[in-house]
């Protein structure tokens, strides 16, 4: 479900085999993300490049991950959000809650600033 890789000291996660983050997969995705934040000081970037739809449970996953990161001195950021999904972030005012980057490289570099 989640594909993870390391770039520098940042864990980059993305969804594989789907272009949707919805109620059907939200719970296992959330559990996987929360497991990654078990260790302190985790730097995690969620790459949404191929995601074209997110429902309310998907946004709940992001909020849970942000809280888990905060509780364990970690950092959670989002990158490569497509136009339609970004409109949902803005409609829900979540673009003020999350650090969102257009490019993966910019997101990775932001962890070092």
PDB file of N, CA and C in Angstrom:
ATOM      1  N   UNK A   1       0.823  -1.186   0.000  1.00  0.00           N
ATOM      2  CA  UNK A   1       0.000   0.000   0.000  1.00  0.00           C
ATOM      3  C   UNK A   1       0.873   1.257   0.000  1.00  0.00           C
ATOM      4  N   UNK A   2       1.736   1.390   1.007  1.00  0.00           N
ATOM      5  CA  UNK A   2       2.666   2.521   1.046  1.00  0.00           C
ATOM      6  C   UNK A   2       4.029   2.081   0.543  1.00  0.00           C
ATOM      7  N   UNK A   3       4.595   2.910  -0.273  1.00  0.00           N
ATOM      8  CA  UNK A   3       5.950   2.677  -0.745  1.00  0.00           C
ATOM      9  C   UNK A   3       6.831   3.696  -0.031  1.00  0.00           C
ATOM     10  N   UNK A   4       7.912   3.229   0.573  1.00  0.00           N
ATOM     11  CA  UNK A   4       8.797   4.150   1.292  1.00  0.00           C
ATOM     12  C   UNK A   4      10.200   4.069   0.724  1.00  0.00           C
ATOM     13  N   UNK A   5      10.871   5.204   0.744  1.00  0.00           N
ATOM     14  CA  UNK A   5      12.282   5.257   0.358  1.00  0.00           C
ATOM     15  C   UNK A   5      12.927   6.389   1.140  1.00  0.00           C
ATOM     16  N   UNK A   6      14.242   6.315   1.253  1.00  0.00           N
ATOM     17  CA  UNK A   6      15.003   7.348   1.972  1.00  0.00           C
ATOM     18  C   UNK A   6      15.724   8.232   0.969  1.00  0.00           C
ATOM     19  N   UNK A   7      15.617   9.515   1.174  1.00  0.00           N
ATOM     20  CA  UNK A   7      16.407  10.490   0.423  1.00  0.00           C
ATOM     21  C   UNK A   7      17.061  11.373   1.474  1.00  0.00           C
ATOM     22  N   UNK A   8      18.380  11.343   1.520  1.00  0.00           N
ATOM     23  CA  UNK A   8      19.124  11.976   2.607  1.00  0.00           C
ATOM     24  C   UNK A   8      18.605  11.391   3.922  1.00  0.00           C
ATOM     25  N   UNK A   9      18.166  12.215   4.828  1.00  0.00           N
ATOM     26  CA  UNK A   9      17.636  11.719   6.104  1.00  0.00           C
ATOM     27  C   UNK A   9      16.109  11.764   6.142  1.00  0.00           C
ATOM     28  N   UNK A  10      15.480  11.905   4.973  1.00  0.00           N
ATOM     29  CA  UNK A  10      14.031  12.050   4.880  1.00  0.00           C
ATOM     30  C   UNK A  10      13.399  10.764   4.354  1.00  0.00           C
ATOM     31  N   UNK A  11      12.371  10.294   5.036  1.00  0.00           N
ATOM     32  CA  UNK A  11      11.587   9.163   4.553  1.00  0.00           C
ATOM     33  C   UNK A  11      10.522   9.724   3.622  1.00  0.00           C
ATOM     34  N   UNK A  12      10.520   9.243   2.379  1.00  0.00           N
ATOM     35  CA  UNK A  12       9.534   9.684   1.398  1.00  0.00           C
ATOM     36  C   UNK A  12       8.550   8.539   1.200  1.00  0.00           C
ATOM     37  N   UNK A  13       7.275   8.825   1.406  1.00  0.00           N
ATOM     38  CA  UNK A  13       6.247   7.805   1.219  1.00  0.00           C
ATOM     39  C   UNK A  13       5.324   8.209   0.086  1.00  0.00           C
ATOM     40  N   UNK A  14       4.811   7.209  -0.601  1.00  0.00           N
ATOM     41  CA  UNK A  14       3.809   7.428  -1.643  1.00  0.00           C
ATOM     42  C   UNK A  14       2.905   6.205  -1.690  1.00  0.00           C
ATOM     43  N   UNK A  15       1.752   6.385  -2.267  1.00  0.00           N
ATOM     44  CA  UNK A  15       0.826   5.269  -2.430  1.00  0.00           C
ATOM     45  C   UNK A  15       1.163   4.542  -3.717  1.00  0.00           C
ATOM     46  N   UNK A  16       1.123   3.219  -3.667  1.00  0.00           N
ATOM     47  CA  UNK A  16       1.369   2.471  -4.894  1.00  0.00           C
ATOM     48  C   UNK A  16       0.095   1.738  -5.289  1.00  0.00           C
ATOM     49  N   UNK A  17      -0.069   1.532  -6.568  1.00  0.00           N
ATOM     50  CA  UNK A  17      -1.190   0.791  -7.142  1.00  0.00           C
ATOM     51  C   UNK A  17      -2.543   1.460  -6.922  1.00  0.00           C
ATOM     52  N   UNK A  18      -2.559   2.761  -6.696  1.00  0.00           N
ATOM     53  CA  UNK A  18      -3.820   3.488  -6.588  1.00  0.00           C
ATOM     54  C   UNK A  18      -3.584   4.967  -6.860  1.00  0.00           C
ATOM     55  N   UNK A  19      -4.640   5.640  -7.296  1.00  0.00           N
ATOM     56  CA  UNK A  19      -4.547   7.085  -7.475  1.00  0.00           C
ATOM     57  C   UNK A  19      -5.529   7.798  -6.551  1.00  0.00           C
ATOM     58  N   UNK A  20      -6.049   7.057  -5.548  1.00  0.00           N
ATOM     59  CA  UNK A  20      -7.049   7.593  -4.620  1.00  0.00           C
ATOM     60  C   UNK A  20      -6.663   7.285  -3.176  1.00  0.00           C
ATOM     61  N   UNK A  21      -6.872   8.256  -2.324  1.00  0.00           N
ATOM     62  CA  UNK A  21      -6.743   8.040  -0.882  1.00  0.00           C
ATOM     63  C   UNK A  21      -8.140   8.262  -0.311  1.00  0.00           C
ATOM     64  N   UNK A  22      -8.845   7.151  -0.082  1.00  0.00           N
ATOM     65  CA  UNK A  22     -10.230   7.244   0.369  1.00  0.00           C
ATOM     66  C   UNK A  22     -10.480   6.267   1.507  1.00  0.00           C
ATOM     67  N   UNK A  23     -11.736   6.163   1.918  1.00  0.00           N
ATOM     68  CA  UNK A  23     -12.112   5.345   3.069  1.00  0.00           C
ATOM     69  C   UNK A  23     -11.713   3.882   2.907  1.00  0.00           C
ATOM     70  N   UNK A  24     -11.611   3.404   1.680  1.00  0.00           N
ATOM     71  CA  UNK A  24     -11.262   1.993   1.454  1.00  0.00           C
ATOM     72  C   UNK A  24      -9.854   1.661   1.923  1.00  0.00           C
ATOM     73  N   UNK A  25      -8.949   2.628   1.856  1.00  0.00           N
ATOM     74  CA  UNK A  25      -7.553   2.347   2.217  1.00  0.00           C
ATOM     75  C   UNK A  25      -7.024   3.235   3.342  1.00  0.00           C
ATOM     76  N   UNK A  26      -7.840   4.150   3.825  1.00  0.00           N
ATOM     77  CA  UNK A  26      -7.368   5.138   4.805  1.00  0.00           C
ATOM     78  C   UNK A  26      -6.804   4.498   6.068  1.00  0.00           C
ATOM     79  N   UNK A  27      -7.489   3.518   6.629  1.00  0.00           N
ATOM     80  CA  UNK A  27      -7.048   2.945   7.901  1.00  0.00           C
ATOM     81  C   UNK A  27      -5.675   2.272   7.804  1.00  0.00           C
ATOM     82  N   UNK A  28      -5.447   1.383   6.814  1.00  0.00           N
ATOM     83  CA  UNK A  28      -4.098   0.791   6.735  1.00  0.00           C
ATOM     84  C   UNK A  28      -3.004   1.812   6.416  1.00  0.00           C
ATOM     85  N   UNK A  29      -3.324   2.829   5.630  1.00  0.00           N
ATOM     86  CA  UNK A  29      -2.342   3.879   5.344  1.00  0.00           C
ATOM     87  C   UNK A  29      -2.010   4.629   6.634  1.00  0.00           C
ATOM     88  N   UNK A  30      -3.033   4.969   7.403  1.00  0.00           N
ATOM     89  CA  UNK A  30      -2.820   5.671   8.676  1.00  0.00           C
ATOM     90  C   UNK A  30      -1.964   4.832   9.626  1.00  0.00           C
ATOM     91  N   UNK A  31      -2.277   3.561   9.741  1.00  0.00           N
ATOM     92  CA  UNK A  31      -1.503   2.683  10.627  1.00  0.00           C
ATOM     93  C   UNK A  31      -0.039   2.622  10.200  1.00  0.00           C
ATOM     94  N   UNK A  32       0.198   2.547   8.903  1.00  0.00           N
ATOM     95  CA  UNK A  32       1.578   2.510   8.393  1.00  0.00           C
ATOM     96  C   UNK A  32       2.315   3.805   8.708  1.00  0.00           C
ATOM     97  N   UNK A  33       1.641   4.942   8.519  1.00  0.00           N
ATOM     98  CA  UNK A  33       2.271   6.227   8.816  1.00  0.00           C
ATOM     99  C   UNK A  33       2.561   6.378  10.301  1.00  0.00           C
ATOM    100  N   UNK A  34       1.592   6.000  11.141  1.00  0.00           N
ATOM    101  CA  UNK A  34       1.800   6.129  12.582  1.00  0.00           C
ATOM    102  C   UNK A  34       2.941   5.238  13.053  1.00  0.00           C
ATOM    103  N   UNK A  35       3.106   4.082  12.426  1.00  0.00           N
ATOM    104  CA  UNK A  35       4.220   3.195  12.774  1.00  0.00           C
ATOM    105  C   UNK A  35       5.557   3.861  12.452  1.00  0.00           C
ATOM    106  N   UNK A  36       5.598   4.622  11.360  1.00  0.00           N
ATOM    107  CA  UNK A  36       6.838   5.311  10.990  1.00  0.00           C
ATOM    108  C   UNK A  36       7.212   6.380  12.016  1.00  0.00           C
ATOM    109  N   UNK A  37       6.211   6.958  12.691  1.00  0.00           N
ATOM    110  CA  UNK A  37       6.471   8.005  13.672  1.00  0.00           C
ATOM    111  C   UNK A  37       6.663   7.459  15.084  1.00  0.00           C
ATOM    112  N   UNK A  38       6.858   6.152  15.214  1.00  0.00           N
ATOM    113  CA  UNK A  38       7.139   5.571  16.531  1.00  0.00           C
ATOM    114  C   UNK A  38       8.484   6.047  17.076  1.00  0.00           C
ATOM    115  N   UNK A  39       9.430   6.256  16.177  1.00  0.00           N
ATOM    116  CA  UNK A  39      10.743   6.758  16.583  1.00  0.00           C
ATOM    117  C   UNK A  39      10.690   8.287  16.636  1.00  0.00           C
ATOM    118  N   UNK A  40      11.456   8.893  17.516  1.00  0.00           N
ATOM    119  CA  UNK A  40      11.486  10.365  17.566  1.00  0.00           C
ATOM    120  C   UNK A  40      12.274  10.956  16.396  1.00  0.00           C
ATOM    121  N   UNK A  41      11.943  12.192  16.095  1.00  0.00           N
ATOM    122  CA  UNK A  41      12.682  13.009  15.117  1.00  0.00           C
ATOM    123  C   UNK A  41      12.606  12.482  13.688  1.00  0.00           C
ATOM    124  N   UNK A  42      11.555  11.771  13.333  1.00  0.00           N
ATOM    125  CA  UNK A  42      11.386  11.279  11.959  1.00  0.00           C
ATOM    126  C   UNK A  42      11.031  12.454  11.050  1.00  0.00           C
ATOM    127  N   UNK A  43      11.690  12.502   9.902  1.00  0.00           N
ATOM    128  CA  UNK A  43      11.382  13.495   8.871  1.00  0.00           C
ATOM    129  C   UNK A  43      10.686  12.742   7.750  1.00  0.00           C
ATOM    130  N   UNK A  44       9.411  13.077   7.490  1.00  0.00           N
ATOM    131  CA  UNK A  44       8.640  12.327   6.511  1.00  0.00           C
ATOM    132  C   UNK A  44       7.980  13.260   5.512  1.00  0.00           C
ATOM    133  N   UNK A  45       8.127  12.928   4.242  1.00  0.00           N
ATOM    134  CA  UNK A  45       7.467  13.659   3.162  1.00  0.00           C
ATOM    135  C   UNK A  45       6.502  12.704   2.463  1.00  0.00           C
ATOM    136  N   UNK A  46       5.261  13.110   2.317  1.00  0.00           N
ATOM    137  CA  UNK A  46       4.260  12.300   1.618  1.00  0.00           C
ATOM    138  C   UNK A  46       4.162  12.842   0.195  1.00  0.00           C
ATOM    139  N   UNK A  47       4.545  12.031  -0.772  1.00  0.00           N
ATOM    140  CA  UNK A  47       4.544  12.411  -2.187  1.00  0.00           C
ATOM    141  C   UNK A  47       3.199  12.022  -2.797  1.00  0.00           C
ATOM    142  N   UNK A  48       2.422  13.011  -3.187  1.00  0.00           N
ATOM    143  CA  UNK A  48       1.088  12.769  -3.741  1.00  0.00           C
ATOM    144  C   UNK A  48       1.050  12.858  -5.262  1.00  0.00           C
ATOM    145  N   UNK A  49       2.182  12.662  -5.909  1.00  0.00           N
ATOM    146  CA  UNK A  49       2.279  12.892  -7.348  1.00  0.00           C
ATOM    147  C   UNK A  49       1.169  12.218  -8.153  1.00  0.00           C
ATOM    148  N   UNK A  50       0.869  10.968  -7.899  1.00  0.00           N
ATOM    149  CA  UNK A  50      -0.099  10.238  -8.715  1.00  0.00           C
ATOM    150  C   UNK A  50      -1.504  10.211  -8.130  1.00  0.00           C
ATOM    151  N   UNK A  51      -1.741  10.955  -7.057  1.00  0.00           N
ATOM    152  CA  UNK A  51      -3.038  10.925  -6.392  1.00  0.00           C
ATOM    153  C   UNK A  51      -3.960  11.983  -7.003  1.00  0.00           C
ATOM    154  N   UNK A  52      -5.127  11.527  -7.462  1.00  0.00           N
ATOM    155  CA  UNK A  52      -6.078  12.429  -8.113  1.00  0.00           C
ATOM    156  C   UNK A  52      -7.336  12.660  -7.283  1.00  0.00           C
ATOM    157  N   UNK A  53      -7.491  11.924  -6.187  1.00  0.00           N
ATOM    158  CA  UNK A  53      -8.686  12.085  -5.353  1.00  0.00           C
ATOM    159  C   UNK A  53      -8.371  11.749  -3.906  1.00  0.00           C
ATOM    160  N   UNK A  54      -8.840  12.598  -2.999  1.00  0.00           N
ATOM    161  CA  UNK A  54      -8.735  12.347  -1.558  1.00  0.00           C
ATOM    162  C   UNK A  54     -10.088  12.693  -0.945  1.00  0.00           C
ATOM    163  N   UNK A  55     -10.629  11.768  -0.142  1.00  0.00           N
ATOM    164  CA  UNK A  55     -11.882  12.065   0.552  1.00  0.00           C
ATOM    165  C   UNK A  55     -11.575  12.482   1.990  1.00  0.00           C
ATOM    166  N   UNK A  56     -12.634  12.690   2.779  1.00  0.00           N
ATOM    167  CA  UNK A  56     -12.444  13.193   4.143  1.00  0.00           C
ATOM    168  C   UNK A  56     -11.613  12.239   4.994  1.00  0.00           C
ATOM    169  N   UNK A  57     -11.760  10.937   4.788  1.00  0.00           N
ATOM    170  CA  UNK A  57     -10.963  10.000   5.577  1.00  0.00           C
ATOM    171  C   UNK A  57      -9.485  10.089   5.190  1.00  0.00           C
ATOM    172  N   UNK A  58      -9.211  10.391   3.939  1.00  0.00           N
ATOM    173  CA  UNK A  58      -7.829  10.599   3.499  1.00  0.00           C
ATOM    174  C   UNK A  58      -7.199  11.817   4.155  1.00  0.00           C
ATOM    175  N   UNK A  59      -7.976  12.908   4.238  1.00  0.00           N
ATOM    176  CA  UNK A  59      -7.464  14.096   4.926  1.00  0.00           C
ATOM    177  C   UNK A  59      -7.274  13.806   6.412  1.00  0.00           C
ATOM    178  N   UNK A  60      -8.127  12.953   6.960  1.00  0.00           N
ATOM    179  CA  UNK A  60      -7.970  12.530   8.350  1.00  0.00           C
ATOM    180  C   UNK A  60      -6.659  11.801   8.578  1.00  0.00           C
ATOM    181  N   UNK A  61      -6.240  11.027   7.582  1.00  0.00           N
ATOM    182  CA  UNK A  61      -4.947  10.330   7.656  1.00  0.00           C
ATOM    183  C   UNK A  61      -3.821  11.347   7.799  1.00  0.00           C
ATOM    184  N   UNK A  62      -3.868  12.404   6.992  1.00  0.00           N
ATOM    185  CA  UNK A  62      -2.820  13.425   7.048  1.00  0.00           C
ATOM    186  C   UNK A  62      -2.812  14.131   8.409  1.00  0.00           C
ATOM    187  N   UNK A  63      -3.988  14.433   8.928  1.00  0.00           N
ATOM    188  CA  UNK A  63      -4.067  15.105  10.230  1.00  0.00           C
ATOM    189  C   UNK A  63      -3.529  14.202  11.336  1.00  0.00           C
ATOM    190  N   UNK A  64      -3.830  12.913  11.267  1.00  0.00           N
ATOM    191  CA  UNK A  64      -3.304  11.959  12.261  1.00  0.00           C
ATOM    192  C   UNK A  64      -1.783  11.878  12.182  1.00  0.00           C
ATOM    193  N   UNK A  65      -1.259  11.866  10.956  1.00  0.00           N
ATOM    194  CA  UNK A  65       0.191  11.801  10.776  1.00  0.00           C
ATOM    195  C   UNK A  65       0.859  13.062  11.308  1.00  0.00           C
ATOM    196  N   UNK A  66       0.253  14.209  11.045  1.00  0.00           N
ATOM    197  CA  UNK A  66       0.810  15.471  11.540  1.00  0.00           C
ATOM    198  C   UNK A  66       0.837  15.487  13.062  1.00  0.00           C
ATOM    199  N   UNK A  67      -0.220  15.006  13.684  1.00  0.00           N
ATOM    200  CA  UNK A  67      -0.279  14.954  15.148  1.00  0.00           C
ATOM    201  C   UNK A  67       0.767  13.983  15.699  1.00  0.00           C
ATOM    202  N   UNK A  68       0.883  12.814  15.072  1.00  0.00           N
ATOM    203  CA  UNK A  68       1.876  11.829  15.523  1.00  0.00           C
ATOM    204  C   UNK A  68       3.283  12.391  15.395  1.00  0.00           C
ATOM    205  N   UNK A  69       3.549  13.085  14.297  1.00  0.00           N
ATOM    206  CA  UNK A  69       4.866  13.703  14.109  1.00  0.00           C
ATOM    207  C   UNK A  69       5.132  14.721  15.213  1.00  0.00           C
ATOM    208  N   UNK A  70       4.168  15.571  15.454  1.00  0.00           N
ATOM    209  CA  UNK A  70       4.316  16.613  16.470  1.00  0.00           C
ATOM    210  C   UNK A  70       4.537  16.018  17.858  1.00  0.00           C
ATOM    211  N   UNK A  71       3.818  14.959  18.167  1.00  0.00           N
ATOM    212  CA  UNK A  71       3.936  14.327  19.484  1.00  0.00           C
ATOM    213  C   UNK A  71       5.288  13.650  19.700  1.00  0.00           C
ATOM    214  N   UNK A  72       6.011  13.378  18.620  1.00  0.00           N
ATOM    215  CA  UNK A  72       7.267  12.647  18.741  1.00  0.00           C
ATOM    216  C   UNK A  72       8.433  13.437  18.133  1.00  0.00           C
ATOM    217  N   UNK A  73       8.340  14.768  18.161  1.00  0.00           N
ATOM    218  CA  UNK A  73       9.381  15.654  17.640  1.00  0.00           C
ATOM    219  C   UNK A  73       9.752  15.356  16.185  1.00  0.00           C
ATOM    220  N   UNK A  74       8.790  14.865  15.421  1.00  0.00           N
ATOM    221  CA  UNK A  74       9.018  14.588  14.011  1.00  0.00           C
ATOM    222  C   UNK A  74       8.489  15.713  13.141  1.00  0.00           C
ATOM    223  N   UNK A  75       8.625  15.534  11.833  1.00  0.00           N
ATOM    224  CA  UNK A  75       8.171  16.520  10.859  1.00  0.00           C
ATOM    225  C   UNK A  75       7.442  15.797   9.739  1.00  0.00           C
ATOM    226  N   UNK A  76       6.277  16.323   9.362  1.00  0.00           N
ATOM    227  CA  UNK A  76       5.465  15.753   8.290  1.00  0.00           C
ATOM    228  C   UNK A  76       5.160  16.835   7.271  1.00  0.00           C
ATOM    229  N   UNK A  77       5.532  16.578   6.019  1.00  0.00           N
ATOM    230  CA  UNK A  77       5.294  17.535   4.940  1.00  0.00           C
ATOM    231  C   UNK A  77       4.692  16.797   3.753  1.00  0.00           C
ATOM    232  N   UNK A  78       4.088  17.551   2.853  1.00  0.00           N
ATOM    233  CA  UNK A  78       3.406  16.985   1.692  1.00  0.00           C
ATOM    234  C   UNK A  78       3.975  17.647   0.446  1.00  0.00           C
ATOM    235  N   UNK A  79       4.095  16.868  -0.631  1.00  0.00           N
ATOM    236  CA  UNK A  79       4.607  17.451  -1.874  1.00  0.00           C
ATOM    237  C   UNK A  79       3.907  16.862  -3.097  1.00  0.00           C
ATOM    238  N   UNK A  80       4.091  17.561  -4.201  1.00  0.00           N
ATOM    239  CA  UNK A  80       3.615  17.195  -5.536  1.00  0.00           C
ATOM    240  C   UNK A  80       2.101  16.892  -5.557  1.00  0.00           C
ATOM    241  N   UNK A  81       1.346  17.852  -5.066  1.00  0.00           N
ATOM    242  CA  UNK A  81      -0.112  17.730  -5.027  1.00  0.00           C
ATOM    243  C   UNK A  81      -0.680  18.225  -6.358  1.00  0.00           C
ATOM    244  N   UNK A  82      -1.531  17.406  -6.989  1.00  0.00           N
ATOM    245  CA  UNK A  82      -2.077  17.846  -8.274  1.00  0.00           C
ATOM    246  C   UNK A  82      -3.110  18.950  -8.064  1.00  0.00           C
ATOM    247  N   UNK A  83      -3.475  19.612  -9.135  1.00  0.00           N
ATOM    248  CA  UNK A  83      -4.304  20.813  -9.078  1.00  0.00           C
ATOM    249  C   UNK A  83      -5.658  20.560  -8.408  1.00  0.00           C
ATOM    250  N   UNK A  84      -6.328  19.489  -8.787  1.00  0.00           N
ATOM    251  CA  UNK A  84      -7.663  19.206  -8.238  1.00  0.00           C
ATOM    252  C   UNK A  84      -7.590  18.906  -6.738  1.00  0.00           C
ATOM    253  N   UNK A  85      -6.611  18.118  -6.333  1.00  0.00           N
ATOM    254  CA  UNK A  85      -6.454  17.789  -4.922  1.00  0.00           C
ATOM    255  C   UNK A  85      -6.069  19.034  -4.130  1.00  0.00           C
ATOM    256  N   UNK A  86      -5.232  19.886  -4.706  1.00  0.00           N
ATOM    257  CA  UNK A  86      -4.849  21.130  -4.028  1.00  0.00           C
ATOM    258  C   UNK A  86      -6.070  22.013  -3.801  1.00  0.00           C
ATOM    259  N   UNK A  87      -7.012  22.010  -4.737  1.00  0.00           N
ATOM    260  CA  UNK A  87      -8.245  22.771  -4.555  1.00  0.00           C
ATOM    261  C   UNK A  87      -9.008  22.288  -3.322  1.00  0.00           C
ATOM    262  N   UNK A  88      -8.984  20.976  -3.069  1.00  0.00           N
ATOM    263  CA  UNK A  88      -9.629  20.432  -1.867  1.00  0.00           C
ATOM    264  C   UNK A  88      -8.897  20.886  -0.606  1.00  0.00           C
ATOM    265  N   UNK A  89      -7.554  20.853  -0.640  1.00  0.00           N
ATOM    266  CA  UNK A  89      -6.782  21.355   0.508  1.00  0.00           C
ATOM    267  C   UNK A  89      -7.186  22.804   0.806  1.00  0.00           C
ATOM    268  N   UNK A  90      -7.326  23.606  -0.240  1.00  0.00           N
ATOM    269  CA  UNK A  90      -7.666  25.020  -0.052  1.00  0.00           C
ATOM    270  C   UNK A  90      -9.104  25.182   0.427  1.00  0.00           C
ATOM    271  N   UNK A  91     -10.017  24.420  -0.134  1.00  0.00           N
ATOM    272  CA  UNK A  91     -11.421  24.491   0.263  1.00  0.00           C
ATOM    273  C   UNK A  91     -11.580  24.175   1.752  1.00  0.00           C
ATOM    274  N   UNK A  92     -10.796  23.211   2.224  1.00  0.00           N
ATOM    275  CA  UNK A  92     -10.848  22.810   3.630  1.00  0.00           C
ATOM    276  C   UNK A  92      -9.919  23.642   4.518  1.00  0.00           C
ATOM    277  N   UNK A  93      -9.222  24.615   3.915  1.00  0.00           N
ATOM    278  CA  UNK A  93      -8.276  25.473   4.623  1.00  0.00           C
ATOM    279  C   UNK A  93      -7.086  24.686   5.190  1.00  0.00           C
ATOM    280  N   UNK A  94      -6.822  23.513   4.640  1.00  0.00           N
ATOM    281  CA  UNK A  94      -5.722  22.678   5.141  1.00  0.00           C
ATOM    282  C   UNK A  94      -4.374  23.087   4.555  1.00  0.00           C
ATOM    283  N   UNK A  95      -4.383  23.926   3.523  1.00  0.00           N
ATOM    284  CA  UNK A  95      -3.114  24.409   2.984  1.00  0.00           C
ATOM    285  C   UNK A  95      -2.423  25.340   3.982  1.00  0.00           C
ATOM    286  N   UNK A  96      -3.157  25.789   5.007  1.00  0.00           N
ATOM    287  CA  UNK A  96      -2.564  26.586   6.081  1.00  0.00           C
ATOM    288  C   UNK A  96      -2.036  25.698   7.212  1.00  0.00           C
ATOM    289  N   UNK A  97      -2.495  24.453   7.249  1.00  0.00           N
ATOM    290  CA  UNK A  97      -2.131  23.522   8.317  1.00  0.00           C
ATOM    291  C   UNK A  97      -0.866  22.754   7.972  1.00  0.00           C
ATOM    292  N   UNK A  98      -0.748  22.333   6.707  1.00  0.00           N
ATOM    293  CA  UNK A  98       0.376  21.504   6.261  1.00  0.00           C
ATOM    294  C   UNK A  98       1.390  22.331   5.488  1.00  0.00           C
ATOM    295  N   UNK A  99       2.649  21.905   5.571  1.00  0.00           N
ATOM    296  CA  UNK A  99       3.666  22.446   4.670  1.00  0.00           C
ATOM    297  C   UNK A  99       3.563  21.651   3.380  1.00  0.00           C
ATOM    298  N   UNK A 100       3.233  22.345   2.290  1.00  0.00           N
ATOM    299  CA  UNK A 100       3.018  21.692   1.001  1.00  0.00           C
ATOM    300  C   UNK A 100       3.983  22.291  -0.011  1.00  0.00           C
ATOM    301  N   UNK A 101       4.677  21.422  -0.724  1.00  0.00           N
ATOM    302  CA  UNK A 101       5.673  21.841  -1.717  1.00  0.00           C
ATOM    303  C   UNK A 101       5.300  21.324  -3.097  1.00  0.00           C
ATOM    304  N   UNK A 102       5.600  22.136  -4.109  1.00  0.00           N
ATOM    305  CA  UNK A 102       5.309  21.736  -5.489  1.00  0.00           C
ATOM    306  C   UNK A 102       6.216  20.604  -5.953  1.00  0.00           C
ATOM    307  N   UNK A 103       7.466  20.630  -5.524  1.00  0.00           N
ATOM    308  CA  UNK A 103       8.444  19.654  -5.996  1.00  0.00           C
ATOM    309  C   UNK A 103       9.024  18.852  -4.838  1.00  0.00           C
ATOM    310  N   UNK A 104       9.355  17.609  -5.109  1.00  0.00           N
ATOM    311  CA  UNK A 104       9.950  16.737  -4.099  1.00  0.00           C
ATOM    312  C   UNK A 104      11.294  17.279  -3.636  1.00  0.00           C
ATOM    313  N   UNK A 105      12.126  17.736  -4.569  1.00  0.00           N
ATOM    314  CA  UNK A 105      13.444  18.265  -4.200  1.00  0.00           C
ATOM    315  C   UNK A 105      13.332  19.448  -3.231  1.00  0.00           C
ATOM    316  N   UNK A 106      12.382  20.350  -3.502  1.00  0.00           N
ATOM    317  CA  UNK A 106      12.192  21.497  -2.611  1.00  0.00           C
ATOM    318  C   UNK A 106      11.740  21.037  -1.231  1.00  0.00           C
ATOM    319  N   UNK A 107      10.890  20.034  -1.214  1.00  0.00           N
ATOM    320  CA  UNK A 107      10.413  19.490   0.057  1.00  0.00           C
ATOM    321  C   UNK A 107      11.569  18.889   0.851  1.00  0.00           C
ATOM    322  N   UNK A 108      12.388  18.091   0.190  1.00  0.00           N
ATOM    323  CA  UNK A 108      13.534  17.450   0.856  1.00  0.00           C
ATOM    324  C   UNK A 108      14.488  18.513   1.411  1.00  0.00           C
ATOM    325  N   UNK A 109      14.776  19.528   0.591  1.00  0.00           N
ATOM    326  CA  UNK A 109      15.688  20.582   1.030  1.00  0.00           C
ATOM    327  C   UNK A 109      15.146  21.367   2.212  1.00  0.00           C
ATOM    328  N   UNK A 110      13.811  21.492   2.295  1.00  0.00           N
ATOM    329  CA  UNK A 110      13.207  22.271   3.381  1.00  0.00           C
ATOM    330  C   UNK A 110      13.456  21.654   4.749  1.00  0.00           C
ATOM    331  N   UNK A 111      13.715  20.365   4.805  1.00  0.00           N
ATOM    332  CA  UNK A 111      13.994  19.711   6.087  1.00  0.00           C
ATOM    333  C   UNK A 111      15.347  20.146   6.659  1.00  0.00           C
ATOM    334  N   UNK A 112      16.222  20.665   5.805  1.00  0.00           N
ATOM    335  CA  UNK A 112      17.564  21.063   6.230  1.00  0.00           C
ATOM    336  C   UNK A 112      17.666  22.541   6.560  1.00  0.00           C
ATOM    337  N   UNK A 113      16.573  23.255   6.461  1.00  0.00           N
ATOM    338  CA  UNK A 113      16.623  24.708   6.690  1.00  0.00           C
ATOM    339  C   UNK A 113      16.261  25.051   8.110  1.00  0.00           C
TER     340      UNK A 113
END
